[in-house]
């Protein structure tokens, strides 16, 4: 199905949000062959028959208009893409600590040739499952035998441990991006907090709405009528919210500028951020409407739709791939044009020249110095701001902090 670890965890978090959870905790324990990953929530929980149905491939249930689930596959496909044994336990009664627990075990299926889930009795419910449900109703998903996550059938040693905990850091970043609207409170009806190994997951806002010089442009609503394979016509609104981020020098701090670059860095993070019921499906990219460009990297556009339009957007089971509807591509391309123009203007803006420049005794604090050239060229002199922008634009991720420290020292030495 193409899941990586962070995407698989996010698919389980979708279920927790649907269950009304306000807290989701992800814990990872490295114990070689006994290592495990646990996702626990304080949602409404499930009765025994509901747990069994949730573990059935292609489970049947009624979805509300804004539910994050769709196909009845996510819990199983996401989990079994990462592990060989999946346990699900749930407590639905807040007054009684009755826990219903079942598991899929690939070794059992291979050994018996029976495609069946195994019930876990009270003695078989390990502390890793039982403890999160001691004082609250909710659901626990436990992944064991993590050969797919760690890349080894028997994961021992420091290398495996470091790999697992680096993946935990990747999970924090991914969840902070995918669920940022829930974590920040933008989705008013669904308050959410996520912890990874006890660490708060902080929302990453791709639109830098807290920056004073971010430009939020007027939203655009597009009407979509789509004929499904069944012949039924589904209608719905697609909402575009365009933003132009500030020039690097207009960010509140160098740290804020670096944070805004996102997990994939600036050029790959420009473009469309596609949301399904508030949950991010795509983070950046122009969906084949145009190519990424250094000069348009400040353009970011939120695209919102509800699950009723899933077929039109061709969303896949893993909720990781989506396409812009053919019927709207021309309208969206027209809407993008002015945003890209403003983004280019913000990126290419010129620094104002000092009114004192050239006067006897004056000091040009922005000058790169007499005889300084642009990356080996001698056609023109550059101001310090122009030089720093060029240097940052060609530096890789590791080099940028060094370049920025050098520029800061140069500005300090120039008064």
Protein backbone atom coordinates (compact mmCIF):
# COMPACT_ATOMS: atom_id res chain seq x y z
CA UNK A 1 0.00 0.00 0.00
CA UNK A 2 3.04 2.28 0.10
CA UNK A 3 2.87 3.33 3.77
CA UNK A 4 5.93 4.49 5.60
CA UNK A 5 6.05 4.46 9.41
CA UNK A 6 4.84 8.02 9.95
CA UNK A 7 2.00 7.67 7.42
CA UNK A 8 0.85 4.43 9.01
CA UNK A 9 0.73 6.04 12.47
CA UNK A 10 -1.24 8.97 11.02
CA UNK A 11 -3.84 6.56 9.63
CA UNK A 12 -4.39 5.13 13.12
CA UNK A 13 -4.70 8.66 14.55
CA UNK A 14 -7.52 9.26 12.03
CA UNK A 15 -9.51 6.55 13.81
CA UNK A 16 -8.85 8.13 17.20
CA UNK A 17 -10.14 11.50 15.99
CA UNK A 18 -13.28 9.85 14.63
CA UNK A 19 -13.79 8.22 18.03
CA UNK A 20 -13.88 11.65 19.66
CA UNK A 21 -10.47 11.37 21.32
CA UNK A 22 -8.93 14.54 22.74
CA UNK A 23 -5.63 12.83 23.59
CA UNK A 24 -3.61 10.38 21.49
CA UNK A 25 -0.36 8.97 22.87
CA UNK A 26 2.20 7.17 20.72
CA UNK A 27 4.83 5.23 22.64
CA UNK A 28 7.72 3.22 21.23
CA UNK A 29 9.64 0.65 23.24
CA UNK A 30 12.90 -0.80 21.92
CA UNK A 31 13.51 -4.30 23.29
CA UNK A 32 15.07 -6.08 20.29
CA UNK A 33 12.63 -8.85 19.22
CA UNK A 34 10.14 -7.66 21.84
CA UNK A 35 10.03 -4.05 20.61
CA UNK A 36 6.60 -2.54 20.18
CA UNK A 37 4.69 0.56 19.07
CA UNK A 38 1.50 1.60 20.87
CA UNK A 39 -1.11 4.16 19.81
CA UNK A 40 -3.63 4.80 22.59
CA UNK A 41 -6.53 7.25 22.77
CA UNK A 42 -9.24 8.39 25.18
CA UNK A 43 -12.05 8.15 22.65
CA UNK A 44 -15.44 6.52 23.13
CA UNK A 45 -14.08 2.99 22.83
CA UNK A 46 -15.68 -0.05 21.21
CA UNK A 47 -17.81 -2.97 22.39
CA UNK A 48 -16.50 -6.50 21.66
CA UNK A 49 -18.51 -6.88 18.46
CA UNK A 50 -17.29 -3.47 17.28
CA UNK A 51 -13.65 -4.43 17.89
CA UNK A 52 -14.13 -7.61 15.85
CA UNK A 53 -15.76 -5.65 13.04
CA UNK A 54 -13.01 -3.02 13.12
CA UNK A 55 -10.46 -5.80 12.59
CA UNK A 56 -12.30 -7.21 9.58
CA UNK A 57 -10.89 -6.20 6.20
CA UNK A 58 -13.46 -4.05 4.45
CA UNK A 59 -15.33 -3.41 7.70
CA UNK A 60 -18.83 -1.99 7.26
CA UNK A 61 -19.95 1.12 9.10
CA UNK A 62 -21.78 4.36 8.50
CA UNK A 63 -19.53 7.36 7.93
CA UNK A 64 -20.53 10.92 8.73
CA UNK A 65 -19.92 13.66 6.16
CA UNK A 66 -16.70 14.81 7.86
CA UNK A 67 -15.34 11.45 9.04
CA UNK A 68 -11.70 10.80 8.18
CA UNK A 69 -12.22 7.09 7.45
CA UNK A 70 -13.57 5.76 4.20
CA UNK A 71 -12.84 2.20 3.08
CA UNK A 72 -12.85 0.08 6.26
CA UNK A 73 -9.22 -0.87 5.60
CA UNK A 74 -6.96 1.72 7.23
CA UNK A 75 -6.48 0.14 10.66
CA UNK A 76 -5.45 -3.20 9.16
CA UNK A 77 -3.47 -2.11 6.11
CA UNK A 78 -1.58 0.62 7.97
CA UNK A 79 -0.73 -1.67 10.88
CA UNK A 80 0.23 -4.80 8.95
CA UNK A 81 2.43 -2.71 6.65
CA UNK A 82 4.62 -2.15 9.73
CA UNK A 83 4.41 -5.27 11.88
CA UNK A 84 3.58 -8.98 11.98
CA UNK A 85 1.28 -8.91 14.99
CA UNK A 86 -1.52 -6.36 15.52
CA UNK A 87 -3.49 -6.20 18.76
CA UNK A 88 -6.49 -3.94 19.33
CA UNK A 89 -8.02 -3.50 22.78
CA UNK A 90 -10.86 -1.23 23.78
CA UNK A 91 -12.81 -0.13 26.83
CA UNK A 92 -16.21 1.41 26.14
CA UNK A 93 -17.66 1.60 29.67
CA UNK A 94 -16.23 4.46 31.72
CA UNK A 95 -17.52 2.85 34.94
CA UNK A 96 -16.10 -0.65 34.42
CA UNK A 97 -12.60 -1.64 33.36
CA UNK A 98 -13.82 -4.35 30.97
CA UNK A 99 -11.38 -4.63 28.08
CA UNK A 100 -12.11 -6.39 24.80
CA UNK A 101 -8.96 -7.40 22.93
CA UNK A 102 -8.26 -9.28 19.68
CA UNK A 103 -5.27 -9.61 17.38
CA UNK A 104 -4.10 -10.49 13.91
CA UNK A 105 -0.98 -12.68 14.01
CA UNK A 106 0.72 -13.53 10.72
CA UNK A 107 2.61 -16.43 12.28
CA UNK A 108 -0.70 -17.99 13.36
CA UNK A 109 -2.16 -17.55 9.87
CA UNK A 110 0.88 -19.14 8.25
CA UNK A 111 0.99 -21.99 10.75
CA UNK A 112 -2.73 -22.88 10.67
CA UNK A 113 -3.71 -21.59 7.22
CA UNK A 114 -6.69 -19.94 8.92
CA UNK A 115 -7.53 -16.31 8.25
CA UNK A 116 -8.88 -15.52 11.70
CA UNK A 117 -8.45 -13.04 14.51
CA UNK A 118 -7.50 -14.31 17.95
CA UNK A 119 -9.32 -13.23 21.11
CA UNK A 120 -7.11 -12.25 24.05
CA UNK A 121 -8.39 -13.23 27.46
CA UNK A 122 -7.70 -11.21 30.61
CA UNK A 123 -4.41 -13.04 31.24
CA UNK A 124 -3.33 -12.53 27.66
CA UNK A 125 -3.74 -8.76 27.73
CA UNK A 126 -0.21 -7.49 28.28
CA UNK A 127 0.50 -4.44 30.49
CA UNK A 128 1.39 -2.45 27.37
CA UNK A 129 -2.26 -2.83 26.33
CA UNK A 130 -3.94 -2.73 29.71
CA UNK A 131 -2.28 0.25 31.41
CA UNK A 132 -3.52 3.05 29.07
CA UNK A 133 -7.11 1.85 29.68
CA UNK A 134 -6.82 1.61 33.45
CA UNK A 135 -8.48 4.97 34.20
CA UNK A 136 -10.26 5.89 31.00
CA UNK A 137 -12.28 4.42 28.21
CA UNK A 138 -10.64 4.40 24.80
CA UNK A 139 -8.74 2.18 22.39
CA UNK A 140 -5.19 0.83 22.21
CA UNK A 141 -3.48 -0.34 19.02
CA UNK A 142 -0.31 -2.35 19.63
CA UNK A 143 2.20 -3.30 16.93
CA UNK A 144 4.60 -6.16 17.71
CA UNK A 145 7.33 -7.98 15.78
CA UNK A 146 8.46 -4.84 14.00
CA UNK A 147 10.57 -6.45 11.28
CA UNK A 148 9.07 -4.16 8.65
CA UNK A 149 9.74 -0.99 10.64
CA UNK A 150 13.31 -1.80 11.61
CA UNK A 151 14.33 -3.61 8.44
CA UNK A 152 15.55 -6.72 10.26
CA UNK A 153 13.79 -9.89 11.32
CA UNK A 154 15.76 -9.84 14.59
CA UNK A 155 16.53 -6.18 15.40
CA UNK A 156 19.36 -5.99 17.91
CA UNK A 157 22.02 -3.41 18.65
CA UNK A 158 22.53 0.31 18.80
CA UNK A 159 21.96 0.85 15.08
CA UNK A 160 18.44 -0.57 15.30
CA UNK A 161 17.70 1.47 18.42
CA UNK A 162 18.89 4.72 16.79
CA UNK A 163 16.90 3.97 13.66
CA UNK A 164 13.71 3.46 15.64
CA UNK A 165 14.02 6.67 17.61
CA UNK A 166 14.91 8.71 14.52
CA UNK A 167 11.69 7.36 13.05
CA UNK A 168 9.90 8.63 16.16
CA UNK A 169 11.22 12.12 15.43
CA UNK A 170 9.94 11.78 11.85
CA UNK A 171 6.54 10.80 13.25
CA UNK A 172 6.42 13.95 15.41
CA UNK A 173 7.15 16.15 12.38
CA UNK A 174 4.66 14.33 10.15
CA UNK A 175 1.80 14.39 12.67
CA UNK A 176 2.44 18.07 13.43
CA UNK A 177 1.98 18.80 9.73
CA UNK A 178 -0.88 16.45 8.83
CA UNK A 179 -3.04 17.30 11.88
CA UNK A 180 -1.95 20.91 12.41
CA UNK A 181 -5.49 22.26 12.06
CA UNK A 182 -6.71 19.93 14.84
CA UNK A 183 -3.71 20.59 17.10
CA UNK A 184 -3.99 24.37 16.75
CA UNK A 185 -7.75 24.46 17.35
CA UNK A 186 -8.66 25.60 13.81
CA UNK A 187 -11.04 22.63 13.59
CA UNK A 188 -13.30 23.91 16.35
CA UNK A 189 -15.33 20.77 16.94
CA UNK A 190 -12.35 18.44 17.44
CA UNK A 191 -9.85 19.46 20.09
CA UNK A 192 -6.74 17.29 19.94
CA UNK A 193 -3.43 16.74 21.72
CA UNK A 194 -0.82 14.23 20.56
CA UNK A 195 2.18 12.95 22.53
CA UNK A 196 5.05 10.91 21.07
CA UNK A 197 7.10 9.23 23.80
CA UNK A 198 5.80 11.89 26.17
CA UNK A 199 6.74 14.81 23.89
CA UNK A 200 4.09 17.25 22.73
CA UNK A 201 3.49 17.28 18.98
CA UNK A 202 3.35 20.94 17.95
CA UNK A 203 1.38 22.08 14.90
CA UNK A 204 3.31 23.17 11.83
CA UNK A 205 1.34 25.86 10.00
CA UNK A 206 2.47 25.92 6.35
CA UNK A 207 0.86 29.33 5.87
CA UNK A 208 2.76 31.15 8.63
CA UNK A 209 -0.41 32.89 9.77
CA UNK A 210 1.28 34.29 12.86
CA UNK A 211 3.82 36.20 10.77
CA UNK A 212 2.80 39.86 10.48
CA UNK A 213 3.74 40.14 6.79
CA UNK A 214 2.08 36.97 5.53
CA UNK A 215 -0.54 37.89 2.93
CA UNK A 216 -3.82 36.00 3.17
CA UNK A 217 -5.67 36.49 -0.10
CA UNK A 218 -9.41 36.27 -0.65
CA UNK A 219 -10.69 32.66 -0.60
CA UNK A 220 -12.16 31.20 -3.77
CA UNK A 221 -15.09 28.78 -3.77
CA UNK A 222 -15.51 26.43 -6.74
CA UNK A 223 -18.60 24.31 -7.36
CA UNK A 224 -17.99 20.71 -8.44
CA UNK A 225 -20.55 18.32 -9.94
CA UNK A 226 -19.07 14.86 -10.38
CA UNK A 227 -20.66 11.75 -11.90
CA UNK A 228 -19.55 8.67 -9.98
CA UNK A 229 -18.99 5.23 -11.49
CA UNK A 230 -22.43 4.26 -10.17
CA UNK A 231 -24.00 7.01 -12.28
CA UNK A 232 -24.95 9.13 -9.28
CA UNK A 233 -24.00 12.80 -9.43
CA UNK A 234 -22.32 14.22 -6.35
CA UNK A 235 -22.10 17.97 -5.81
CA UNK A 236 -19.90 19.85 -3.42
CA UNK A 237 -17.75 22.91 -2.87
CA UNK A 238 -13.99 23.07 -3.17
CA UNK A 239 -12.49 25.98 -1.27
CA UNK A 240 -9.15 27.56 -2.14
CA UNK A 241 -7.34 29.74 0.42
CA UNK A 242 -4.22 31.37 -1.10
CA UNK A 243 -1.30 32.72 0.95
CA UNK A 244 1.90 34.53 0.06
CA UNK A 245 4.59 34.12 2.70
CA UNK A 246 6.94 36.98 3.61
CA UNK A 247 10.33 37.59 2.08
CA UNK A 248 13.11 36.00 4.13
CA UNK A 249 14.13 39.37 5.58
CA UNK A 250 10.55 40.07 6.69
CA UNK A 251 10.19 36.99 8.89
CA UNK A 252 10.09 37.70 12.60
CA UNK A 253 13.33 35.74 13.11
CA UNK A 254 15.77 33.50 11.24
CA UNK A 255 14.38 30.57 13.24
CA UNK A 256 10.85 31.34 12.02
CA UNK A 257 12.09 31.42 8.43
CA UNK A 258 13.83 28.06 8.84
CA UNK A 259 10.75 26.52 10.46
CA UNK A 260 8.59 27.74 7.57
CA UNK A 261 10.72 25.80 5.08
CA UNK A 262 8.90 22.62 6.14
CA UNK A 263 9.97 18.97 6.16
CA UNK A 264 10.84 18.95 2.43
CA UNK A 265 12.43 22.45 2.33
CA UNK A 266 11.24 25.53 0.51
CA UNK A 267 11.05 24.63 -3.16
CA UNK A 268 9.22 21.35 -2.57
CA UNK A 269 6.82 22.90 -0.06
CA UNK A 270 5.40 25.53 -2.42
CA UNK A 271 2.05 24.93 -4.07
CA UNK A 272 -1.07 23.10 -2.95
CA UNK A 273 -1.90 21.87 0.55
CA UNK A 274 -4.91 19.63 0.06
CA UNK A 275 -7.18 18.95 3.06
CA UNK A 276 -9.89 16.34 3.38
CA UNK A 277 -12.21 17.17 6.29
CA UNK A 278 -9.44 19.27 7.86
CA UNK A 279 -6.79 16.53 7.60
CA UNK A 280 -3.86 17.26 5.28
CA UNK A 281 -3.51 14.79 2.41
CA UNK A 282 -0.95 16.59 0.24
CA UNK A 283 1.76 18.96 1.48
CA UNK A 284 3.07 21.08 -1.37
CA UNK A 285 3.52 20.53 -5.09
CA UNK A 286 1.60 21.98 -8.01
CA UNK A 287 -0.27 18.80 -9.06
CA UNK A 288 1.14 19.03 -12.61
CA UNK A 289 -0.28 22.54 -13.15
CA UNK A 290 3.19 24.09 -13.09
CA UNK A 291 6.75 23.27 -12.05
CA UNK A 292 8.39 24.28 -8.76
CA UNK A 293 10.40 27.49 -9.07
CA UNK A 294 12.77 29.17 -6.63
CA UNK A 295 11.09 32.51 -7.41
CA UNK A 296 7.59 31.26 -6.52
CA UNK A 297 8.44 29.32 -3.37
CA UNK A 298 6.50 31.77 -1.18
CA UNK A 299 3.17 30.74 -2.76
CA UNK A 300 1.09 28.23 -0.77
CA UNK A 301 -2.57 27.46 -1.38
CA UNK A 302 -4.92 25.47 0.87
CA UNK A 303 -7.46 23.33 -1.00
CA UNK A 304 -10.35 22.03 1.13
CA UNK A 305 -12.90 19.33 0.25
CA UNK A 306 -15.17 16.90 2.12
CA UNK A 307 -15.11 13.07 1.82
CA UNK A 308 -18.21 13.12 -0.39
CA UNK A 309 -15.89 14.23 -3.20
CA UNK A 310 -13.34 11.44 -2.66
CA UNK A 311 -13.99 9.86 -6.06
CA UNK A 312 -13.51 13.17 -7.84
CA UNK A 313 -10.17 13.68 -6.08
CA UNK A 314 -9.20 10.00 -6.63
CA UNK A 315 -7.99 9.63 -3.07
CA UNK A 316 -6.35 6.28 -2.35
CA UNK A 317 -6.96 3.92 0.57
CA UNK A 318 -3.92 5.13 2.50
CA UNK A 319 -5.09 8.77 2.12
CA UNK A 320 -1.64 9.68 0.84
CA UNK A 321 -2.35 10.32 -2.83
CA UNK A 322 -4.84 12.71 -4.37
CA UNK A 323 -5.49 14.39 -7.74
CA UNK A 324 -7.15 17.66 -8.61
CA UNK A 325 -10.50 16.97 -10.36
CA UNK A 326 -10.26 17.29 -14.12
CA UNK A 327 -13.37 19.50 -14.15
CA UNK A 328 -11.68 22.11 -11.95
CA UNK A 329 -8.12 22.15 -13.26
CA UNK A 330 -8.63 25.14 -15.57
CA UNK A 331 -10.41 27.14 -12.87
CA UNK A 332 -7.70 26.31 -10.34
CA UNK A 333 -4.97 27.20 -12.83
CA UNK A 334 -6.62 30.61 -13.35
CA UNK A 335 -6.83 31.12 -9.58
CA UNK A 336 -3.16 30.26 -9.13
CA UNK A 337 -1.89 32.87 -11.60
CA UNK A 338 -2.30 36.00 -9.42
CA UNK A 339 -0.95 34.16 -6.36
CA UNK A 340 2.20 33.13 -8.20
CA UNK A 341 2.67 36.71 -9.47
CA UNK A 342 2.46 38.14 -5.96
CA UNK A 343 4.81 35.45 -4.64
CA UNK A 344 7.38 36.30 -7.30
CA UNK A 345 7.14 39.99 -6.46
CA UNK A 346 7.63 39.22 -2.75
CA UNK A 347 10.67 37.07 -3.52
CA UNK A 348 12.25 39.53 -6.02
CA UNK A 349 11.70 42.74 -4.05
CA UNK A 350 14.59 45.23 -4.14
CA UNK A 351 16.22 46.67 -1.05
CA UNK A 352 15.82 50.48 -0.80
CA UNK A 353 19.01 52.39 -1.52
CA UNK A 354 20.46 54.54 1.27
CA UNK A 355 19.87 58.25 0.71
CA UNK A 356 23.35 58.82 2.15
CA UNK A 357 25.07 56.55 -0.35
CA UNK A 358 28.01 58.23 -2.07
CA UNK A 359 28.19 61.28 0.23
CA UNK A 360 31.57 62.14 1.74
CA UNK A 361 32.00 60.51 5.15
CA UNK A 362 28.91 58.34 4.79
CA UNK A 363 28.98 54.62 5.57
CA UNK A 364 27.13 52.13 3.39
CA UNK A 365 26.27 49.43 5.92
CA UNK A 366 24.73 47.16 3.30
CA UNK A 367 27.74 47.05 0.99
CA UNK A 368 29.56 43.82 0.33
CA UNK A 369 32.77 45.86 0.25
CA UNK A 370 34.96 47.36 -2.44
CA UNK A 371 35.92 44.78 -4.98
CA UNK A 372 33.57 42.10 -3.57
CA UNK A 373 32.08 40.00 -6.36
CA UNK A 374 29.00 37.82 -6.78
CA UNK A 375 30.10 34.16 -6.66
CA UNK A 376 33.21 34.85 -8.73
CA UNK A 377 31.57 37.33 -11.14
CA UNK A 378 32.83 40.91 -11.40
CA UNK A 379 30.03 42.52 -13.34
CA UNK A 380 28.39 44.18 -10.32
CA UNK A 381 28.73 44.98 -6.64
CA UNK A 382 26.21 43.46 -4.23
CA UNK A 383 24.73 44.79 -1.04
CA UNK A 384 25.05 42.55 2.00
CA UNK A 385 21.34 41.70 1.82
CA UNK A 386 21.63 40.73 -1.85
CA UNK A 387 24.74 38.65 -1.14
CA UNK A 388 23.09 36.86 1.80
CA UNK A 389 19.98 36.00 -0.25
CA UNK A 390 22.12 34.50 -3.00
CA UNK A 391 24.26 32.58 -0.52
CA UNK A 392 21.21 31.11 1.26
CA UNK A 393 19.55 30.20 -2.04
CA UNK A 394 22.47 28.02 -3.14
CA UNK A 395 23.30 26.55 0.29
CA UNK A 396 22.06 23.10 1.23
CA UNK A 397 20.25 22.30 4.49
CA UNK A 398 23.43 21.83 6.53
CA UNK A 399 25.15 24.92 5.09
CA UNK A 400 22.33 27.42 5.66
CA UNK A 401 22.80 27.86 9.43
CA UNK A 402 26.51 28.56 8.82
CA UNK A 403 25.73 31.13 6.10
CA UNK A 404 23.18 32.85 8.33
CA UNK A 405 25.64 33.05 11.25
CA UNK A 406 28.28 34.58 8.96
CA UNK A 407 25.79 37.16 7.67
CA UNK A 408 24.77 38.01 11.24
CA UNK A 409 28.40 38.61 12.21
CA UNK A 410 28.96 40.77 9.13
CA UNK A 411 25.96 42.91 10.01
CA UNK A 412 27.20 43.30 13.58
CA UNK A 413 30.69 44.30 12.43
CA UNK A 414 29.18 46.94 10.12
CA UNK A 415 27.37 48.56 13.05
